[in-house]
N, C-alpha and C. Protein backbone atom coordinates (compact mmCIF):
# COMPACT_ATOMS: atom_id res chain seq x y z
N UNK A 1 1.11 43.18 10.86
CA UNK A 1 0.07 42.17 10.66
C UNK A 1 -0.33 41.59 12.01
N UNK A 2 -1.61 41.67 12.35
CA UNK A 2 -2.12 41.11 13.60
C UNK A 2 -2.48 39.65 13.37
N UNK A 3 -1.59 38.76 13.84
CA UNK A 3 -1.78 37.33 13.57
C UNK A 3 -3.02 36.77 14.26
N UNK A 4 -3.48 37.42 15.32
CA UNK A 4 -4.60 36.87 16.07
C UNK A 4 -5.95 37.28 15.49
N UNK A 5 -5.96 38.18 14.50
CA UNK A 5 -7.22 38.61 13.91
C UNK A 5 -7.61 37.73 12.71
N UNK A 6 -6.74 36.79 12.35
CA UNK A 6 -7.01 35.95 11.17
C UNK A 6 -8.08 34.92 11.49
N UNK A 7 -8.96 34.68 10.51
CA UNK A 7 -9.90 33.57 10.65
C UNK A 7 -9.08 32.30 10.53
N UNK A 8 -9.28 31.37 11.45
CA UNK A 8 -8.41 30.19 11.49
C UNK A 8 -9.19 28.94 11.83
N UNK A 9 -8.85 27.84 11.15
CA UNK A 9 -9.29 26.51 11.53
C UNK A 9 -8.08 25.85 12.17
N UNK A 10 -8.19 25.46 13.44
CA UNK A 10 -7.00 25.00 14.16
C UNK A 10 -6.62 23.56 13.85
N UNK A 11 -7.57 22.65 13.67
CA UNK A 11 -7.22 21.31 13.21
C UNK A 11 -8.37 20.72 12.41
N UNK A 12 -8.22 20.78 11.12
CA UNK A 12 -9.24 20.30 10.19
C UNK A 12 -9.43 18.79 10.28
N UNK A 13 -8.33 18.05 10.50
CA UNK A 13 -8.38 16.58 10.42
C UNK A 13 -8.95 15.92 11.67
N UNK A 14 -8.69 16.46 12.83
CA UNK A 14 -9.17 15.96 14.12
C UNK A 14 -8.51 14.68 14.59
N UNK A 15 -7.83 13.92 13.69
CA UNK A 15 -7.11 12.73 14.15
C UNK A 15 -6.02 12.37 13.14
N UNK A 16 -4.98 11.70 13.62
CA UNK A 16 -3.91 11.14 12.79
C UNK A 16 -3.18 12.18 11.94
N UNK A 17 -3.12 13.41 12.43
CA UNK A 17 -2.43 14.47 11.71
C UNK A 17 -2.96 15.82 12.16
N UNK A 18 -2.36 16.87 11.63
CA UNK A 18 -2.76 18.21 12.04
C UNK A 18 -2.71 19.15 10.84
N UNK A 19 -3.83 19.77 10.53
CA UNK A 19 -3.91 20.73 9.43
C UNK A 19 -4.60 21.99 9.95
N UNK A 20 -3.91 23.12 9.83
CA UNK A 20 -4.47 24.42 10.20
C UNK A 20 -4.65 25.26 8.94
N UNK A 21 -5.65 26.13 8.97
CA UNK A 21 -5.94 26.97 7.82
C UNK A 21 -6.17 28.40 8.28
N UNK A 22 -5.46 29.33 7.67
CA UNK A 22 -5.60 30.76 7.95
C UNK A 22 -6.15 31.46 6.72
N UNK A 23 -7.27 32.13 6.86
CA UNK A 23 -7.79 32.98 5.79
C UNK A 23 -7.09 34.34 5.88
N UNK A 24 -6.98 35.01 4.75
CA UNK A 24 -6.53 36.41 4.73
C UNK A 24 -5.20 36.65 5.42
N UNK A 25 -4.24 35.77 5.22
CA UNK A 25 -2.89 36.03 5.72
C UNK A 25 -2.34 37.27 5.03
N UNK A 26 -2.72 37.44 3.76
CA UNK A 26 -2.37 38.63 3.00
C UNK A 26 -3.67 39.34 2.60
N UNK A 27 -3.63 40.67 2.53
CA UNK A 27 -4.80 41.40 2.06
C UNK A 27 -5.02 41.10 0.58
N UNK A 28 -6.20 41.46 0.08
CA UNK A 28 -6.52 41.22 -1.33
C UNK A 28 -5.51 41.91 -2.24
N UNK A 29 -5.15 43.15 -1.91
CA UNK A 29 -4.20 43.88 -2.76
C UNK A 29 -2.80 43.30 -2.67
N UNK A 30 -2.39 42.85 -1.48
CA UNK A 30 -1.07 42.21 -1.33
C UNK A 30 -1.03 40.90 -2.12
N UNK A 31 -2.09 40.11 -2.01
CA UNK A 31 -2.14 38.83 -2.72
C UNK A 31 -2.10 39.05 -4.23
N UNK A 32 -2.83 40.05 -4.73
CA UNK A 32 -2.80 40.36 -6.16
C UNK A 32 -1.40 40.78 -6.61
N UNK A 33 -0.74 41.59 -5.80
CA UNK A 33 0.61 42.06 -6.16
C UNK A 33 1.57 40.87 -6.23
N UNK A 34 1.54 39.99 -5.24
CA UNK A 34 2.42 38.82 -5.24
C UNK A 34 2.09 37.88 -6.41
N UNK A 35 0.79 37.70 -6.68
CA UNK A 35 0.39 36.84 -7.79
C UNK A 35 1.03 37.33 -9.09
N UNK A 36 0.92 38.62 -9.36
CA UNK A 36 1.49 39.19 -10.59
C UNK A 36 3.01 39.04 -10.62
N UNK A 37 3.66 39.30 -9.49
CA UNK A 37 5.12 39.18 -9.43
C UNK A 37 5.57 37.73 -9.68
N UNK A 38 4.88 36.80 -9.04
CA UNK A 38 5.23 35.38 -9.20
C UNK A 38 4.98 34.92 -10.63
N UNK A 39 3.85 35.30 -11.19
CA UNK A 39 3.50 34.87 -12.55
C UNK A 39 4.54 35.36 -13.56
N UNK A 40 5.02 36.58 -13.37
CA UNK A 40 5.94 37.19 -14.33
C UNK A 40 7.41 36.84 -14.09
N UNK A 41 7.81 36.65 -12.85
CA UNK A 41 9.24 36.56 -12.53
C UNK A 41 9.78 35.18 -12.20
N UNK A 42 8.91 34.24 -11.88
CA UNK A 42 9.37 32.89 -11.54
C UNK A 42 9.77 32.16 -12.82
N UNK A 43 10.80 31.33 -12.73
CA UNK A 43 11.23 30.51 -13.87
C UNK A 43 10.35 29.25 -13.89
N UNK A 44 9.19 29.36 -14.54
CA UNK A 44 8.21 28.26 -14.57
C UNK A 44 8.59 27.24 -15.63
N UNK A 45 8.44 25.94 -15.29
CA UNK A 45 8.66 24.86 -16.24
C UNK A 45 7.56 23.82 -16.06
N UNK A 46 7.16 23.18 -17.14
CA UNK A 46 6.16 22.11 -17.01
C UNK A 46 6.69 21.02 -16.10
N UNK A 47 5.83 20.56 -15.20
CA UNK A 47 6.23 19.49 -14.28
C UNK A 47 6.41 18.19 -15.06
N UNK A 48 7.43 17.43 -14.69
CA UNK A 48 7.70 16.14 -15.33
C UNK A 48 7.71 15.06 -14.27
N UNK A 49 7.04 13.96 -14.55
CA UNK A 49 7.00 12.83 -13.63
C UNK A 49 7.19 11.54 -14.41
N UNK A 50 7.63 10.51 -13.69
CA UNK A 50 7.72 9.17 -14.27
C UNK A 50 6.82 8.27 -13.45
N UNK A 51 5.76 7.76 -14.09
CA UNK A 51 4.79 6.91 -13.40
C UNK A 51 4.73 5.57 -14.13
N UNK A 52 5.01 4.50 -13.39
CA UNK A 52 5.06 3.15 -13.96
C UNK A 52 5.96 3.10 -15.19
N UNK A 53 7.10 3.80 -15.10
CA UNK A 53 8.09 3.79 -16.18
C UNK A 53 7.77 4.70 -17.35
N UNK A 54 6.65 5.40 -17.28
CA UNK A 54 6.25 6.28 -18.38
C UNK A 54 6.54 7.73 -18.02
N UNK A 55 7.29 8.43 -18.90
CA UNK A 55 7.63 9.83 -18.70
C UNK A 55 6.44 10.70 -19.13
N UNK A 56 5.96 11.54 -18.19
CA UNK A 56 4.79 12.38 -18.45
C UNK A 56 5.16 13.84 -18.22
N UNK A 57 4.79 14.69 -19.17
CA UNK A 57 4.96 16.13 -19.00
C UNK A 57 3.58 16.71 -18.69
N UNK A 58 3.44 17.27 -17.50
CA UNK A 58 2.14 17.78 -17.06
C UNK A 58 1.91 19.20 -17.58
N UNK A 59 0.64 19.60 -17.64
CA UNK A 59 0.29 20.98 -18.00
C UNK A 59 0.68 21.93 -16.87
N UNK A 60 0.53 21.45 -15.65
CA UNK A 60 0.89 22.27 -14.49
C UNK A 60 2.35 22.65 -14.58
N UNK A 61 2.67 23.88 -14.19
CA UNK A 61 4.06 24.32 -14.19
C UNK A 61 4.56 24.45 -12.76
N UNK A 62 5.85 24.22 -12.59
CA UNK A 62 6.44 24.26 -11.26
C UNK A 62 7.77 25.01 -11.29
N UNK A 63 8.23 25.34 -10.09
CA UNK A 63 9.58 25.88 -9.89
C UNK A 63 10.02 25.45 -8.50
N UNK A 64 11.30 25.30 -8.31
CA UNK A 64 11.84 24.80 -7.03
C UNK A 64 12.91 25.78 -6.57
N UNK A 65 12.68 26.41 -5.42
CA UNK A 65 13.59 27.41 -4.88
C UNK A 65 14.06 26.98 -3.49
N UNK A 66 15.23 27.49 -3.07
CA UNK A 66 15.72 27.13 -1.75
C UNK A 66 16.89 27.96 -1.27
N UNK A 67 17.25 27.74 -0.01
CA UNK A 67 18.41 28.42 0.58
C UNK A 67 19.70 27.99 -0.10
N UNK A 68 19.71 26.76 -0.59
CA UNK A 68 20.87 26.19 -1.25
C UNK A 68 20.36 25.45 -2.48
N UNK A 69 21.27 24.84 -3.25
CA UNK A 69 20.82 24.14 -4.46
C UNK A 69 20.36 22.71 -4.14
N UNK A 70 19.45 22.62 -3.16
CA UNK A 70 18.91 21.33 -2.76
C UNK A 70 18.28 20.61 -3.94
N UNK A 71 18.46 19.30 -3.98
CA UNK A 71 17.73 18.49 -4.95
C UNK A 71 16.49 17.94 -4.28
N UNK A 72 15.38 17.89 -5.02
CA UNK A 72 14.14 17.34 -4.49
C UNK A 72 13.60 16.35 -5.51
N UNK A 73 13.46 15.10 -5.08
CA UNK A 73 13.01 14.04 -5.99
C UNK A 73 11.62 13.57 -5.61
N UNK A 74 10.71 13.61 -6.58
CA UNK A 74 9.39 13.00 -6.40
C UNK A 74 8.95 12.49 -7.76
N UNK A 75 8.16 11.45 -7.76
CA UNK A 75 7.70 10.79 -8.99
C UNK A 75 8.86 10.51 -9.95
N UNK A 76 9.97 10.08 -9.38
CA UNK A 76 11.17 9.66 -10.13
C UNK A 76 11.81 10.77 -10.96
N UNK A 77 11.59 12.02 -10.59
CA UNK A 77 12.30 13.13 -11.23
C UNK A 77 12.90 14.02 -10.15
N UNK A 78 14.03 14.64 -10.44
CA UNK A 78 14.73 15.49 -9.47
C UNK A 78 14.79 16.92 -9.97
N UNK A 79 14.51 17.86 -9.06
CA UNK A 79 14.62 19.27 -9.36
C UNK A 79 15.72 19.88 -8.50
N UNK A 80 16.49 20.81 -9.06
CA UNK A 80 17.54 21.51 -8.31
C UNK A 80 17.02 22.89 -7.95
N UNK A 81 17.20 23.29 -6.69
CA UNK A 81 16.63 24.54 -6.21
C UNK A 81 17.34 25.76 -6.79
N UNK A 82 16.55 26.78 -7.14
CA UNK A 82 17.06 28.08 -7.56
C UNK A 82 17.10 28.99 -6.33
N UNK A 83 17.93 30.02 -6.38
CA UNK A 83 18.00 30.98 -5.27
C UNK A 83 16.68 31.76 -5.20
N UNK A 84 16.25 32.12 -3.99
CA UNK A 84 14.96 32.78 -3.83
C UNK A 84 15.07 34.05 -3.02
N UNK A 85 14.00 34.87 -3.08
CA UNK A 85 13.88 36.02 -2.19
C UNK A 85 13.08 35.54 -0.99
N UNK A 86 13.26 36.21 0.16
CA UNK A 86 12.76 35.65 1.42
C UNK A 86 11.54 36.36 2.01
N UNK A 87 10.94 37.30 1.31
CA UNK A 87 9.84 38.07 1.87
C UNK A 87 8.65 37.20 2.28
N UNK A 88 8.14 36.36 1.37
CA UNK A 88 7.00 35.50 1.70
C UNK A 88 7.40 34.41 2.69
N UNK A 89 8.62 33.93 2.58
CA UNK A 89 9.13 32.91 3.51
C UNK A 89 9.05 33.43 4.95
N UNK A 90 9.41 34.68 5.18
CA UNK A 90 9.38 35.25 6.53
C UNK A 90 7.96 35.31 7.08
N UNK A 91 7.00 35.67 6.23
CA UNK A 91 5.60 35.71 6.66
C UNK A 91 5.14 34.32 7.10
N UNK A 92 5.45 33.31 6.29
CA UNK A 92 5.03 31.94 6.58
C UNK A 92 5.73 31.40 7.83
N UNK A 93 7.02 31.66 7.96
CA UNK A 93 7.75 31.18 9.14
C UNK A 93 7.23 31.82 10.43
N UNK A 94 6.83 33.08 10.36
CA UNK A 94 6.29 33.77 11.53
C UNK A 94 4.99 33.10 11.99
N UNK A 95 4.13 32.76 11.05
CA UNK A 95 2.85 32.14 11.40
C UNK A 95 3.01 30.70 11.87
N UNK A 96 3.90 29.95 11.22
CA UNK A 96 4.03 28.52 11.52
C UNK A 96 5.01 28.22 12.65
N UNK A 97 5.82 29.19 13.00
CA UNK A 97 6.89 28.98 14.00
C UNK A 97 7.82 27.84 13.55
N UNK A 98 8.03 27.77 12.23
CA UNK A 98 8.86 26.72 11.63
C UNK A 98 9.82 27.36 10.65
N UNK A 99 11.05 26.86 10.60
CA UNK A 99 12.01 27.36 9.63
C UNK A 99 11.99 26.45 8.40
N UNK A 100 11.87 27.05 7.22
CA UNK A 100 11.86 26.30 5.97
C UNK A 100 13.11 26.64 5.16
N UNK A 101 13.62 25.67 4.40
CA UNK A 101 14.80 25.94 3.58
C UNK A 101 14.54 25.80 2.08
N UNK A 102 13.28 25.52 1.70
CA UNK A 102 12.98 25.32 0.28
C UNK A 102 11.49 25.50 0.03
N UNK A 103 11.16 25.65 -1.27
CA UNK A 103 9.77 25.90 -1.63
C UNK A 103 9.50 25.37 -3.03
N UNK A 104 8.45 24.55 -3.15
CA UNK A 104 7.97 24.10 -4.45
C UNK A 104 6.79 24.98 -4.84
N UNK A 105 6.92 25.66 -5.98
CA UNK A 105 5.88 26.55 -6.47
C UNK A 105 5.10 25.84 -7.58
N UNK A 106 3.78 25.98 -7.57
CA UNK A 106 2.92 25.35 -8.56
C UNK A 106 2.07 26.42 -9.25
N UNK A 107 1.96 26.31 -10.57
CA UNK A 107 1.09 27.18 -11.35
C UNK A 107 0.06 26.33 -12.08
N UNK A 108 -1.20 26.49 -11.69
CA UNK A 108 -2.32 25.81 -12.34
C UNK A 108 -3.02 26.86 -13.21
N UNK A 109 -3.01 26.69 -14.52
CA UNK A 109 -3.55 27.71 -15.41
C UNK A 109 -5.06 27.87 -15.30
N UNK A 110 -5.76 26.79 -14.99
CA UNK A 110 -7.22 26.81 -14.81
C UNK A 110 -7.63 25.49 -14.15
N UNK A 111 -8.95 25.27 -14.05
CA UNK A 111 -9.44 24.08 -13.37
C UNK A 111 -9.22 22.77 -14.10
N UNK A 112 -8.75 22.82 -15.34
CA UNK A 112 -8.41 21.59 -16.06
C UNK A 112 -7.13 20.96 -15.54
N UNK A 113 -6.40 21.71 -14.73
CA UNK A 113 -5.16 21.22 -14.13
C UNK A 113 -5.37 21.04 -12.64
N UNK A 114 -4.93 19.90 -12.13
CA UNK A 114 -5.03 19.61 -10.71
C UNK A 114 -3.90 18.68 -10.33
N UNK A 115 -4.04 18.05 -9.18
CA UNK A 115 -3.04 17.06 -8.79
C UNK A 115 -3.76 15.92 -8.07
N UNK A 116 -3.39 14.70 -8.42
CA UNK A 116 -4.06 13.51 -7.90
C UNK A 116 -3.68 13.24 -6.44
N UNK A 117 -4.38 12.26 -5.85
CA UNK A 117 -4.11 11.88 -4.45
C UNK A 117 -2.64 11.51 -4.27
N UNK A 118 -2.02 12.05 -3.24
CA UNK A 118 -0.62 11.75 -2.93
C UNK A 118 -0.31 12.22 -1.52
N UNK A 119 0.85 11.81 -1.01
CA UNK A 119 1.39 12.34 0.25
C UNK A 119 2.77 12.90 -0.04
N UNK A 120 3.13 13.96 0.64
CA UNK A 120 4.48 14.51 0.53
C UNK A 120 5.33 13.84 1.61
N UNK A 121 5.67 12.58 1.37
CA UNK A 121 6.36 11.78 2.39
C UNK A 121 7.71 11.27 1.91
N UNK A 122 8.35 12.03 0.99
CA UNK A 122 9.66 11.63 0.50
C UNK A 122 10.68 11.66 1.65
N UNK A 123 11.66 10.76 1.59
CA UNK A 123 12.67 10.67 2.64
C UNK A 123 13.40 11.98 2.86
N UNK A 124 13.59 12.76 1.78
CA UNK A 124 14.33 14.01 1.89
C UNK A 124 13.62 15.05 2.75
N UNK A 125 12.32 14.85 3.01
CA UNK A 125 11.57 15.78 3.85
C UNK A 125 11.56 15.36 5.32
N UNK A 126 12.06 14.16 5.61
CA UNK A 126 12.04 13.68 6.98
C UNK A 126 10.65 13.20 7.36
N UNK A 127 10.54 12.62 8.55
CA UNK A 127 9.26 12.07 9.01
C UNK A 127 8.48 13.15 9.76
N UNK A 128 7.17 13.20 9.50
CA UNK A 128 6.26 14.13 10.18
C UNK A 128 6.71 15.59 10.04
N UNK A 129 7.15 15.95 8.85
CA UNK A 129 7.61 17.32 8.62
C UNK A 129 6.41 18.26 8.43
N UNK A 130 6.69 19.56 8.56
CA UNK A 130 5.67 20.59 8.36
C UNK A 130 5.78 21.12 6.93
N UNK A 131 4.64 21.22 6.26
CA UNK A 131 4.56 21.83 4.92
C UNK A 131 3.51 22.92 4.99
N UNK A 132 3.88 24.12 4.54
CA UNK A 132 2.97 25.26 4.56
C UNK A 132 2.69 25.71 3.13
N UNK A 133 1.42 25.83 2.77
CA UNK A 133 1.01 26.16 1.41
C UNK A 133 0.30 27.51 1.37
N UNK A 134 0.90 28.46 0.66
CA UNK A 134 0.36 29.80 0.51
C UNK A 134 -0.30 29.90 -0.86
N UNK A 135 -1.56 30.34 -0.91
CA UNK A 135 -2.34 30.33 -2.15
C UNK A 135 -2.59 31.73 -2.70
N UNK A 136 -2.52 31.83 -4.04
CA UNK A 136 -2.79 33.08 -4.74
C UNK A 136 -3.67 32.79 -5.95
N UNK A 137 -4.55 33.73 -6.28
CA UNK A 137 -5.36 33.59 -7.49
C UNK A 137 -6.66 32.86 -7.23
N UNK A 138 -7.04 32.01 -8.18
CA UNK A 138 -8.34 31.33 -8.14
C UNK A 138 -8.51 30.50 -6.87
N UNK A 139 -9.70 30.56 -6.29
CA UNK A 139 -10.03 29.69 -5.16
C UNK A 139 -10.19 28.27 -5.68
N UNK A 140 -9.61 27.31 -4.96
CA UNK A 140 -9.68 25.90 -5.39
C UNK A 140 -10.02 25.00 -4.22
N UNK A 141 -10.80 23.98 -4.51
CA UNK A 141 -11.10 22.94 -3.52
C UNK A 141 -9.83 22.13 -3.28
N UNK A 142 -9.59 21.77 -2.01
CA UNK A 142 -8.44 20.97 -1.62
C UNK A 142 -8.97 19.87 -0.71
N UNK A 143 -8.58 18.62 -0.98
CA UNK A 143 -9.18 17.50 -0.26
C UNK A 143 -8.13 16.62 0.43
N UNK A 144 -8.54 16.03 1.53
CA UNK A 144 -7.73 15.05 2.26
C UNK A 144 -8.49 13.73 2.29
N UNK A 145 -7.75 12.60 2.22
CA UNK A 145 -8.36 11.27 2.34
C UNK A 145 -7.49 10.42 3.26
N UNK A 146 -8.12 9.88 4.30
CA UNK A 146 -7.39 9.05 5.26
C UNK A 146 -6.97 7.76 4.56
N UNK A 147 -5.74 7.34 4.75
CA UNK A 147 -5.21 6.18 4.05
C UNK A 147 -5.88 4.88 4.48
N UNK A 148 -6.34 4.79 5.72
CA UNK A 148 -6.96 3.56 6.22
C UNK A 148 -8.48 3.60 6.12
N UNK A 149 -9.08 4.64 6.69
CA UNK A 149 -10.55 4.69 6.77
C UNK A 149 -11.20 5.21 5.50
N UNK A 150 -10.41 5.87 4.63
CA UNK A 150 -10.91 6.48 3.38
C UNK A 150 -11.81 7.69 3.63
N UNK A 151 -11.90 8.16 4.88
CA UNK A 151 -12.65 9.37 5.18
C UNK A 151 -12.08 10.54 4.37
N UNK A 152 -12.94 11.38 3.82
CA UNK A 152 -12.47 12.55 3.09
C UNK A 152 -12.95 13.84 3.76
N UNK A 153 -12.08 14.83 3.71
CA UNK A 153 -12.37 16.16 4.25
C UNK A 153 -11.89 17.17 3.21
N UNK A 154 -12.72 18.16 2.92
CA UNK A 154 -12.36 19.15 1.90
C UNK A 154 -12.57 20.57 2.42
N UNK A 155 -11.85 21.51 1.83
CA UNK A 155 -12.05 22.93 2.09
C UNK A 155 -11.67 23.69 0.84
N UNK A 156 -12.03 24.96 0.80
CA UNK A 156 -11.68 25.82 -0.33
C UNK A 156 -10.50 26.69 0.10
N UNK A 157 -9.43 26.63 -0.69
CA UNK A 157 -8.25 27.46 -0.42
C UNK A 157 -8.45 28.80 -1.11
N UNK A 158 -8.49 29.85 -0.32
CA UNK A 158 -8.79 31.18 -0.83
C UNK A 158 -7.52 31.93 -1.19
N UNK A 159 -7.67 32.95 -2.01
CA UNK A 159 -6.59 33.85 -2.38
C UNK A 159 -6.02 34.49 -1.12
N UNK A 160 -4.70 34.42 -0.94
CA UNK A 160 -4.05 35.02 0.23
C UNK A 160 -4.14 34.20 1.49
N UNK A 161 -4.49 32.90 1.38
CA UNK A 161 -4.63 32.04 2.56
C UNK A 161 -3.42 31.14 2.74
N UNK A 162 -3.32 30.56 3.94
CA UNK A 162 -2.21 29.67 4.28
C UNK A 162 -2.75 28.39 4.89
N UNK A 163 -2.33 27.24 4.34
CA UNK A 163 -2.67 25.91 4.86
C UNK A 163 -1.41 25.29 5.42
N UNK A 164 -1.47 24.76 6.65
CA UNK A 164 -0.30 24.17 7.29
C UNK A 164 -0.59 22.70 7.60
N UNK A 165 0.22 21.81 7.01
CA UNK A 165 0.11 20.37 7.27
C UNK A 165 1.30 19.96 8.12
N UNK A 166 1.06 19.30 9.26
CA UNK A 166 2.19 18.91 10.10
C UNK A 166 1.88 17.63 10.88
N UNK A 167 2.80 17.28 11.77
CA UNK A 167 2.71 16.06 12.57
C UNK A 167 2.60 14.85 11.64
N UNK A 168 1.68 13.93 11.90
CA UNK A 168 1.61 12.68 11.12
C UNK A 168 0.70 12.79 9.89
N UNK A 169 0.42 13.99 9.43
CA UNK A 169 -0.51 14.17 8.29
C UNK A 169 -0.05 13.40 7.06
N UNK A 170 1.23 13.53 6.68
CA UNK A 170 1.71 12.88 5.45
C UNK A 170 1.77 11.34 5.61
N UNK A 171 1.91 10.87 6.83
CA UNK A 171 1.94 9.42 7.09
C UNK A 171 0.55 8.81 6.96
N UNK A 172 -0.48 9.53 7.41
CA UNK A 172 -1.81 8.96 7.52
C UNK A 172 -2.83 9.45 6.50
N UNK A 173 -2.52 10.55 5.80
CA UNK A 173 -3.49 11.15 4.89
C UNK A 173 -2.89 11.39 3.51
N UNK A 174 -3.73 11.26 2.49
CA UNK A 174 -3.42 11.70 1.14
C UNK A 174 -4.08 13.06 0.94
N UNK A 175 -3.60 13.85 -0.02
CA UNK A 175 -4.28 15.10 -0.35
C UNK A 175 -4.28 15.29 -1.86
N UNK A 176 -5.21 16.10 -2.35
CA UNK A 176 -5.32 16.33 -3.79
C UNK A 176 -5.92 17.71 -4.05
N UNK A 177 -5.70 18.19 -5.27
CA UNK A 177 -6.35 19.39 -5.78
C UNK A 177 -7.20 18.93 -6.96
N UNK A 178 -8.51 18.69 -6.74
CA UNK A 178 -9.34 18.14 -7.80
C UNK A 178 -9.50 19.11 -8.97
N UNK A 179 -9.67 18.56 -10.16
CA UNK A 179 -9.94 19.38 -11.34
C UNK A 179 -11.38 19.89 -11.28
N UNK A 180 -11.62 21.03 -11.94
CA UNK A 180 -12.97 21.59 -12.00
C UNK A 180 -13.10 22.46 -13.24
N UNK A 181 -14.06 22.13 -14.10
CA UNK A 181 -14.26 22.91 -15.32
C UNK A 181 -14.79 24.31 -15.03
N UNK A 182 -15.29 24.52 -13.81
CA UNK A 182 -15.83 25.83 -13.45
C UNK A 182 -14.72 26.87 -13.22
N UNK A 183 -13.51 26.40 -12.96
CA UNK A 183 -12.40 27.32 -12.66
C UNK A 183 -11.74 27.76 -13.95
N UNK A 184 -11.77 29.05 -14.22
CA UNK A 184 -11.19 29.57 -15.47
C UNK A 184 -9.95 30.42 -15.22
N UNK A 185 -9.71 30.81 -13.97
CA UNK A 185 -8.57 31.66 -13.64
C UNK A 185 -7.40 30.82 -13.13
N UNK A 186 -6.17 31.35 -13.24
CA UNK A 186 -5.01 30.61 -12.73
C UNK A 186 -4.88 30.68 -11.20
N UNK A 187 -4.18 29.71 -10.66
CA UNK A 187 -3.85 29.67 -9.23
C UNK A 187 -2.37 29.38 -9.10
N UNK A 188 -1.73 30.08 -8.18
CA UNK A 188 -0.34 29.80 -7.81
C UNK A 188 -0.33 29.42 -6.35
N UNK A 189 0.39 28.35 -6.01
CA UNK A 189 0.61 28.10 -4.59
C UNK A 189 2.08 27.82 -4.33
N UNK A 190 2.51 28.26 -3.17
CA UNK A 190 3.90 28.08 -2.73
C UNK A 190 3.86 27.10 -1.57
N UNK A 191 4.55 25.95 -1.72
CA UNK A 191 4.57 24.97 -0.64
C UNK A 191 5.96 24.96 -0.01
N UNK A 192 6.04 25.54 1.17
CA UNK A 192 7.30 25.66 1.89
C UNK A 192 7.61 24.36 2.61
N UNK A 193 8.86 23.92 2.47
CA UNK A 193 9.29 22.63 2.99
C UNK A 193 10.66 22.75 3.63
N UNK A 194 11.06 21.69 4.36
CA UNK A 194 12.41 21.63 4.90
C UNK A 194 13.06 20.35 4.40
N UNK A 195 14.08 20.51 3.56
CA UNK A 195 14.85 19.38 3.08
C UNK A 195 15.84 18.99 4.17
N UNK A 196 15.85 17.72 4.53
CA UNK A 196 16.77 17.22 5.56
C UNK A 196 18.09 16.85 4.89
N UNK A 197 19.14 17.54 5.27
CA UNK A 197 20.45 17.31 4.61
C UNK A 197 21.22 16.19 5.29
């Protein structure tokens, strides 16, 4: 894989954080093959969150994998990591020059499923950590909103692409995957993270 031939946005945010985007990290056929493997072989479960004391079971499905049985807590629920294969992890680590020890996988069945504004700033991830998101399936809009200025920036995450959030991004920016009735196909994304032990 020629890393320098990829179409790349080097810093989408321009201030208070750093987000890079690589198109075509995987070929169309590679992305399709991984999409099918992930859809069939991952132990998918509906995401569960507790918001304002109310237990909610989301339509979106998730799985949590890692080098060890790391626990990851967000929205007042904890997930224990399952053992994973390392093929996609190696591709992402090569591009990001970052070592990851865990991965949260998300399955959105169609555009009726999304995720609201949030930051991945849990203590278990450490401060200013790098998160890399590999996308498969349906193209989806992904948005950032500055916590102070409310400035918003959006892009479309394509099949086989990689988005890298690092530096102070989680401190200063929120991000979301907006819902869209136009999207009828599923999307899977893998968000590689480093749990601080």
